[in-house]
Amino acid sequence: MEFWIELIVSVFLVTGAVFVFIGSLGLAKLPDFYTRLHAPTKATTLGMSCLLIASVVLVSFRGGYLSLHELLITLFLLITAPVTAHMLAKTAMHHKLDIVDRTSDKELAKKARERMAP
């Protein structure tokens, strides 16, 4: 295999792995539901996209044809992940989940506490 193809695939694989790791770390370490929801949604979507693009490059180079399977997976991932995160966030707001006191937007935190008051 050519050096440049290996380099491109390696860069996408490492970048994707770093994004997936950051998303997983955010899911484990962040304090409340809303921040835990944000980290894996953004970082993992980017990470999986990078991994799938690396797969497209490798399969297309080895097979001699453009592989569309990975492109379709990437497209569906980019469409469904934000929609799912939005639905989870709306459900969390409907069930009045607590927001962390350290929230940088104090007005948002104040409104959330007012909504939770009986």
N, C-alpha and C. Protein backbone atom coordinates (compact mmCIF):
# COMPACT_ATOMS: atom_id res chain seq x y z
N MET A 1 0.85 -1.17 0.00
CA MET A 1 0.00 0.00 0.00
C MET A 1 0.90 1.24 0.00
N GLU A 2 0.40 2.30 -0.61
CA GLU A 2 1.18 3.53 -0.70
C GLU A 2 1.27 4.23 0.65
N PHE A 3 2.37 4.92 0.83
CA PHE A 3 2.63 5.62 2.09
C PHE A 3 1.56 6.68 2.36
N TRP A 4 1.14 7.42 1.33
CA TRP A 4 0.20 8.52 1.54
C TRP A 4 -1.18 8.01 1.96
N ILE A 5 -1.60 6.89 1.41
CA ILE A 5 -2.88 6.32 1.82
C ILE A 5 -2.80 5.86 3.27
N GLU A 6 -1.70 5.20 3.62
CA GLU A 6 -1.52 4.77 5.02
C GLU A 6 -1.49 5.95 5.96
N LEU A 7 -0.86 7.04 5.55
CA LEU A 7 -0.79 8.24 6.38
C LEU A 7 -2.18 8.85 6.58
N ILE A 8 -2.94 8.98 5.50
CA ILE A 8 -4.29 9.55 5.60
C ILE A 8 -5.18 8.69 6.50
N VAL A 9 -5.14 7.38 6.29
CA VAL A 9 -5.96 6.48 7.11
C VAL A 9 -5.53 6.54 8.57
N SER A 10 -4.24 6.58 8.81
CA SER A 10 -3.73 6.65 10.19
C SER A 10 -4.15 7.93 10.88
N VAL A 11 -4.08 9.04 10.17
CA VAL A 11 -4.47 10.33 10.77
C VAL A 11 -5.96 10.31 11.13
N PHE A 12 -6.80 9.80 10.21
CA PHE A 12 -8.23 9.73 10.52
C PHE A 12 -8.52 8.77 11.66
N LEU A 13 -7.81 7.64 11.72
CA LEU A 13 -8.03 6.68 12.81
C LEU A 13 -7.63 7.26 14.16
N VAL A 14 -6.49 7.92 14.22
CA VAL A 14 -6.03 8.50 15.49
C VAL A 14 -6.95 9.65 15.91
N THR A 15 -7.32 10.49 14.95
CA THR A 15 -8.23 11.60 15.27
C THR A 15 -9.57 11.08 15.77
N GLY A 16 -10.11 10.08 15.09
CA GLY A 16 -11.38 9.49 15.52
C GLY A 16 -11.29 8.86 16.89
N ALA A 17 -10.19 8.16 17.15
CA ALA A 17 -10.01 7.53 18.46
C ALA A 17 -9.91 8.57 19.57
N VAL A 18 -9.23 9.68 19.29
CA VAL A 18 -9.11 10.74 20.30
C VAL A 18 -10.49 11.35 20.60
N PHE A 19 -11.28 11.62 19.55
CA PHE A 19 -12.62 12.17 19.78
C PHE A 19 -13.51 11.21 20.55
N VAL A 20 -13.47 9.94 20.20
CA VAL A 20 -14.28 8.94 20.91
C VAL A 20 -13.84 8.85 22.37
N PHE A 21 -12.54 8.89 22.62
CA PHE A 21 -12.04 8.84 23.99
C PHE A 21 -12.49 10.07 24.78
N ILE A 22 -12.41 11.24 24.18
CA ILE A 22 -12.84 12.47 24.87
C ILE A 22 -14.34 12.40 25.19
N GLY A 23 -15.13 11.92 24.25
CA GLY A 23 -16.57 11.78 24.50
C GLY A 23 -16.86 10.79 25.62
N SER A 24 -16.13 9.69 25.64
CA SER A 24 -16.33 8.69 26.70
C SER A 24 -15.89 9.23 28.05
N LEU A 25 -14.79 9.95 28.06
CA LEU A 25 -14.30 10.54 29.30
C LEU A 25 -15.29 11.59 29.82
N GLY A 26 -15.84 12.39 28.91
CA GLY A 26 -16.85 13.37 29.31
C GLY A 26 -18.09 12.73 29.87
N LEU A 27 -18.49 11.61 29.29
CA LEU A 27 -19.67 10.90 29.80
C LEU A 27 -19.44 10.39 31.21
N ALA A 28 -18.21 9.98 31.51
CA ALA A 28 -17.91 9.44 32.83
C ALA A 28 -17.65 10.52 33.88
N LYS A 29 -17.09 11.66 33.48
CA LYS A 29 -16.60 12.64 34.45
C LYS A 29 -17.47 13.87 34.64
N LEU A 30 -18.33 14.23 33.70
CA LEU A 30 -19.08 15.47 33.82
C LEU A 30 -20.19 15.34 34.86
N PRO A 31 -20.58 16.46 35.49
CA PRO A 31 -21.39 16.40 36.70
C PRO A 31 -22.88 16.14 36.54
N ASP A 32 -23.54 16.68 35.53
CA ASP A 32 -24.98 16.50 35.45
C ASP A 32 -25.40 15.94 34.10
N PHE A 33 -26.68 15.63 33.97
CA PHE A 33 -27.18 14.96 32.77
C PHE A 33 -26.95 15.78 31.51
N TYR A 34 -27.16 17.07 31.58
CA TYR A 34 -27.08 17.91 30.39
C TYR A 34 -25.65 17.98 29.85
N THR A 35 -24.67 18.12 30.73
CA THR A 35 -23.29 18.14 30.25
C THR A 35 -22.84 16.75 29.83
N ARG A 36 -23.31 15.72 30.51
CA ARG A 36 -22.98 14.35 30.10
C ARG A 36 -23.60 14.02 28.75
N LEU A 37 -24.72 14.59 28.45
CA LEU A 37 -25.36 14.37 27.16
C LEU A 37 -24.59 15.07 26.04
N HIS A 38 -24.08 16.24 26.32
CA HIS A 38 -23.39 17.03 25.30
C HIS A 38 -22.07 16.40 24.87
N ALA A 39 -21.30 15.93 25.81
CA ALA A 39 -19.95 15.42 25.50
C ALA A 39 -19.96 14.25 24.52
N PRO A 40 -20.66 13.17 24.79
CA PRO A 40 -20.60 12.06 23.83
C PRO A 40 -21.31 12.35 22.52
N THR A 41 -22.33 13.19 22.55
CA THR A 41 -23.04 13.48 21.31
C THR A 41 -22.14 14.20 20.31
N LYS A 42 -21.45 15.21 20.76
CA LYS A 42 -20.59 15.97 19.85
C LYS A 42 -19.31 15.20 19.52
N ALA A 43 -18.61 14.78 20.54
CA ALA A 43 -17.29 14.17 20.32
C ALA A 43 -17.38 12.81 19.64
N THR A 44 -18.33 12.02 20.02
CA THR A 44 -18.43 10.69 19.44
C THR A 44 -18.92 10.76 18.00
N THR A 45 -19.79 11.70 17.70
CA THR A 45 -20.22 11.86 16.32
C THR A 45 -19.03 12.21 15.43
N LEU A 46 -18.21 13.14 15.88
CA LEU A 46 -17.01 13.48 15.11
C LEU A 46 -16.04 12.30 15.05
N GLY A 47 -15.88 11.61 16.15
CA GLY A 47 -14.96 10.48 16.20
C GLY A 47 -15.38 9.35 15.28
N MET A 48 -16.65 8.98 15.33
CA MET A 48 -17.13 7.91 14.45
C MET A 48 -17.08 8.33 13.00
N SER A 49 -17.32 9.60 12.71
CA SER A 49 -17.21 10.08 11.34
C SER A 49 -15.78 9.94 10.82
N CYS A 50 -14.81 10.28 11.65
CA CYS A 50 -13.41 10.13 11.25
C CYS A 50 -13.05 8.67 11.02
N LEU A 51 -13.51 7.79 11.89
CA LEU A 51 -13.23 6.37 11.73
C LEU A 51 -13.87 5.81 10.45
N LEU A 52 -15.08 6.24 10.16
CA LEU A 52 -15.75 5.77 8.96
C LEU A 52 -15.12 6.35 7.69
N ILE A 53 -14.64 7.59 7.74
CA ILE A 53 -13.95 8.16 6.59
C ILE A 53 -12.64 7.41 6.34
N ALA A 54 -11.94 7.03 7.40
CA ALA A 54 -10.74 6.21 7.24
C ALA A 54 -11.07 4.89 6.56
N SER A 55 -12.20 4.31 6.94
CA SER A 55 -12.63 3.06 6.32
C SER A 55 -12.96 3.26 4.85
N VAL A 56 -13.60 4.36 4.50
CA VAL A 56 -13.92 4.66 3.10
C VAL A 56 -12.65 4.77 2.28
N VAL A 57 -11.66 5.49 2.79
CA VAL A 57 -10.41 5.67 2.07
C VAL A 57 -9.72 4.33 1.87
N LEU A 58 -9.63 3.53 2.92
CA LEU A 58 -8.94 2.24 2.83
C LEU A 58 -9.65 1.27 1.89
N VAL A 59 -10.96 1.12 2.04
CA VAL A 59 -11.71 0.19 1.19
C VAL A 59 -11.72 0.66 -0.26
N SER A 60 -11.85 1.97 -0.47
CA SER A 60 -11.85 2.48 -1.83
C SER A 60 -10.50 2.27 -2.50
N PHE A 61 -9.43 2.44 -1.78
CA PHE A 61 -8.10 2.25 -2.36
C PHE A 61 -7.83 0.77 -2.64
N ARG A 62 -8.15 -0.08 -1.70
CA ARG A 62 -7.90 -1.52 -1.88
C ARG A 62 -8.83 -2.16 -2.90
N GLY A 63 -10.10 -1.77 -2.87
CA GLY A 63 -11.09 -2.39 -3.76
C GLY A 63 -11.11 -1.80 -5.16
N GLY A 64 -10.63 -0.58 -5.31
CA GLY A 64 -10.64 0.06 -6.61
C GLY A 64 -11.97 0.71 -6.96
N TYR A 65 -12.90 0.80 -6.02
CA TYR A 65 -14.19 1.44 -6.24
C TYR A 65 -14.54 2.26 -5.00
N LEU A 66 -15.43 3.22 -5.18
CA LEU A 66 -15.86 4.06 -4.06
C LEU A 66 -16.84 3.28 -3.19
N SER A 67 -16.53 3.14 -1.93
CA SER A 67 -17.39 2.41 -0.99
C SER A 67 -18.40 3.39 -0.39
N LEU A 68 -19.66 3.15 -0.68
CA LEU A 68 -20.72 4.04 -0.20
C LEU A 68 -21.35 3.58 1.11
N HIS A 69 -21.09 2.35 1.52
CA HIS A 69 -21.69 1.85 2.77
C HIS A 69 -21.29 2.72 3.96
N GLU A 70 -20.01 3.01 4.06
CA GLU A 70 -19.53 3.82 5.18
C GLU A 70 -20.05 5.25 5.10
N LEU A 71 -20.19 5.77 3.89
CA LEU A 71 -20.73 7.13 3.74
C LEU A 71 -22.19 7.19 4.20
N LEU A 72 -22.95 6.15 3.90
CA LEU A 72 -24.34 6.11 4.37
C LEU A 72 -24.42 5.98 5.89
N ILE A 73 -23.55 5.18 6.47
CA ILE A 73 -23.52 5.05 7.93
C ILE A 73 -23.18 6.39 8.56
N THR A 74 -22.20 7.10 7.99
CA THR A 74 -21.81 8.42 8.49
C THR A 74 -22.98 9.40 8.39
N LEU A 75 -23.67 9.38 7.26
CA LEU A 75 -24.81 10.28 7.07
C LEU A 75 -25.90 10.00 8.10
N PHE A 76 -26.26 8.76 8.30
CA PHE A 76 -27.29 8.42 9.29
C PHE A 76 -26.84 8.78 10.71
N LEU A 77 -25.58 8.58 11.00
CA LEU A 77 -25.06 8.94 12.32
C LEU A 77 -25.14 10.44 12.55
N LEU A 78 -24.76 11.22 11.53
CA LEU A 78 -24.81 12.68 11.67
C LEU A 78 -26.24 13.21 11.76
N ILE A 79 -27.19 12.48 11.21
CA ILE A 79 -28.59 12.90 11.30
C ILE A 79 -29.23 12.47 12.61
N THR A 80 -28.99 11.23 13.02
CA THR A 80 -29.72 10.70 14.17
C THR A 80 -29.16 11.10 15.53
N ALA A 81 -27.85 11.28 15.65
CA ALA A 81 -27.27 11.60 16.96
C ALA A 81 -27.77 12.93 17.52
N PRO A 82 -27.77 14.03 16.75
CA PRO A 82 -28.30 15.28 17.31
C PRO A 82 -29.80 15.23 17.62
N VAL A 83 -30.56 14.52 16.79
CA VAL A 83 -32.00 14.40 17.04
C VAL A 83 -32.25 13.63 18.34
N THR A 84 -31.51 12.56 18.53
CA THR A 84 -31.64 11.77 19.76
C THR A 84 -31.25 12.60 20.98
N ALA A 85 -30.16 13.34 20.88
CA ALA A 85 -29.73 14.18 22.00
C ALA A 85 -30.78 15.25 22.32
N HIS A 86 -31.37 15.82 21.30
CA HIS A 86 -32.40 16.83 21.51
C HIS A 86 -33.62 16.23 22.22
N MET A 87 -34.01 15.03 21.80
CA MET A 87 -35.16 14.37 22.44
C MET A 87 -34.85 14.02 23.90
N LEU A 88 -33.63 13.56 24.17
CA LEU A 88 -33.25 13.26 25.55
C LEU A 88 -33.23 14.51 26.41
N ALA A 89 -32.72 15.62 25.85
CA ALA A 89 -32.68 16.87 26.61
C ALA A 89 -34.09 17.39 26.90
N LYS A 90 -34.98 17.30 25.93
CA LYS A 90 -36.36 17.74 26.17
C LYS A 90 -37.04 16.87 27.22
N THR A 91 -36.77 15.57 27.20
CA THR A 91 -37.33 14.68 28.22
C THR A 91 -36.78 15.02 29.60
N ALA A 92 -35.49 15.32 29.67
CA ALA A 92 -34.88 15.69 30.95
C ALA A 92 -35.49 16.99 31.48
N MET A 93 -35.73 17.93 30.59
CA MET A 93 -36.36 19.19 31.03
C MET A 93 -37.80 18.95 31.48
N HIS A 94 -38.50 18.07 30.79
CA HIS A 94 -39.88 17.75 31.16
C HIS A 94 -39.94 17.09 32.54
N HIS A 95 -38.95 16.24 32.84
CA HIS A 95 -38.89 15.58 34.14
C HIS A 95 -38.17 16.42 35.20
N LYS A 96 -37.78 17.63 34.82
CA LYS A 96 -37.17 18.62 35.72
C LYS A 96 -35.93 18.08 36.43
N LEU A 97 -35.01 17.56 35.66
CA LEU A 97 -33.74 17.10 36.23
C LEU A 97 -32.94 18.29 36.72
N ASP A 98 -32.20 18.08 37.79
CA ASP A 98 -31.40 19.16 38.37
C ASP A 98 -30.30 19.61 37.42
N ILE A 99 -29.97 20.89 37.57
CA ILE A 99 -28.86 21.48 36.84
C ILE A 99 -27.79 21.82 37.87
N VAL A 100 -26.54 21.72 37.51
CA VAL A 100 -25.44 21.95 38.45
C VAL A 100 -25.37 23.42 38.82
N ASP A 101 -25.05 23.70 40.08
CA ASP A 101 -24.95 25.08 40.55
C ASP A 101 -23.82 25.84 39.86
N ARG A 102 -22.80 25.12 39.40
CA ARG A 102 -21.65 25.77 38.76
C ARG A 102 -21.92 26.15 37.31
N THR A 103 -23.15 26.05 36.85
CA THR A 103 -23.48 26.37 35.46
C THR A 103 -23.06 27.79 35.15
N SER A 104 -22.40 27.96 34.01
CA SER A 104 -21.87 29.28 33.67
C SER A 104 -22.99 30.27 33.34
N ASP A 105 -24.11 29.79 32.87
CA ASP A 105 -25.24 30.66 32.58
C ASP A 105 -26.13 30.72 33.82
N LYS A 106 -25.91 31.70 34.67
CA LYS A 106 -26.63 31.80 35.95
C LYS A 106 -28.12 32.02 35.73
N GLU A 107 -28.48 32.71 34.65
CA GLU A 107 -29.89 32.94 34.37
C GLU A 107 -30.60 31.62 34.04
N LEU A 108 -29.93 30.75 33.28
CA LEU A 108 -30.49 29.45 32.96
C LEU A 108 -30.66 28.60 34.23
N ALA A 109 -29.66 28.63 35.09
CA ALA A 109 -29.74 27.87 36.34
C ALA A 109 -30.87 28.40 37.23
N LYS A 110 -31.04 29.72 37.26
CA LYS A 110 -32.10 30.33 38.06
C LYS A 110 -33.48 29.91 37.54
N LYS A 111 -33.65 29.93 36.22
CA LYS A 111 -34.93 29.52 35.63
C LYS A 111 -35.20 28.05 35.89
N ALA A 112 -34.16 27.23 35.84
CA ALA A 112 -34.34 25.79 36.09
C ALA A 112 -34.78 25.55 37.53
N ARG A 113 -34.20 26.28 38.49
CA ARG A 113 -34.60 26.12 39.89
C ARG A 113 -36.03 26.61 40.12
N GLU A 114 -36.42 27.71 39.44
CA GLU A 114 -37.78 28.21 39.57
C GLU A 114 -38.79 27.20 39.02
N ARG A 115 -38.42 26.55 37.93
CA ARG A 115 -39.30 25.56 37.33
C ARG A 115 -39.48 24.36 38.23
N MET A 116 -38.43 24.02 39.01
CA MET A 116 -38.49 22.84 39.87
C MET A 116 -39.19 23.12 41.19
N ALA A 117 -39.34 24.38 41.53
CA ALA A 117 -39.98 24.72 42.81
C ALA A 117 -41.46 24.33 42.75
N PRO A 118 -42.00 23.82 43.86
CA PRO A 118 -43.41 23.40 43.88
C PRO A 118 -44.39 24.52 43.79
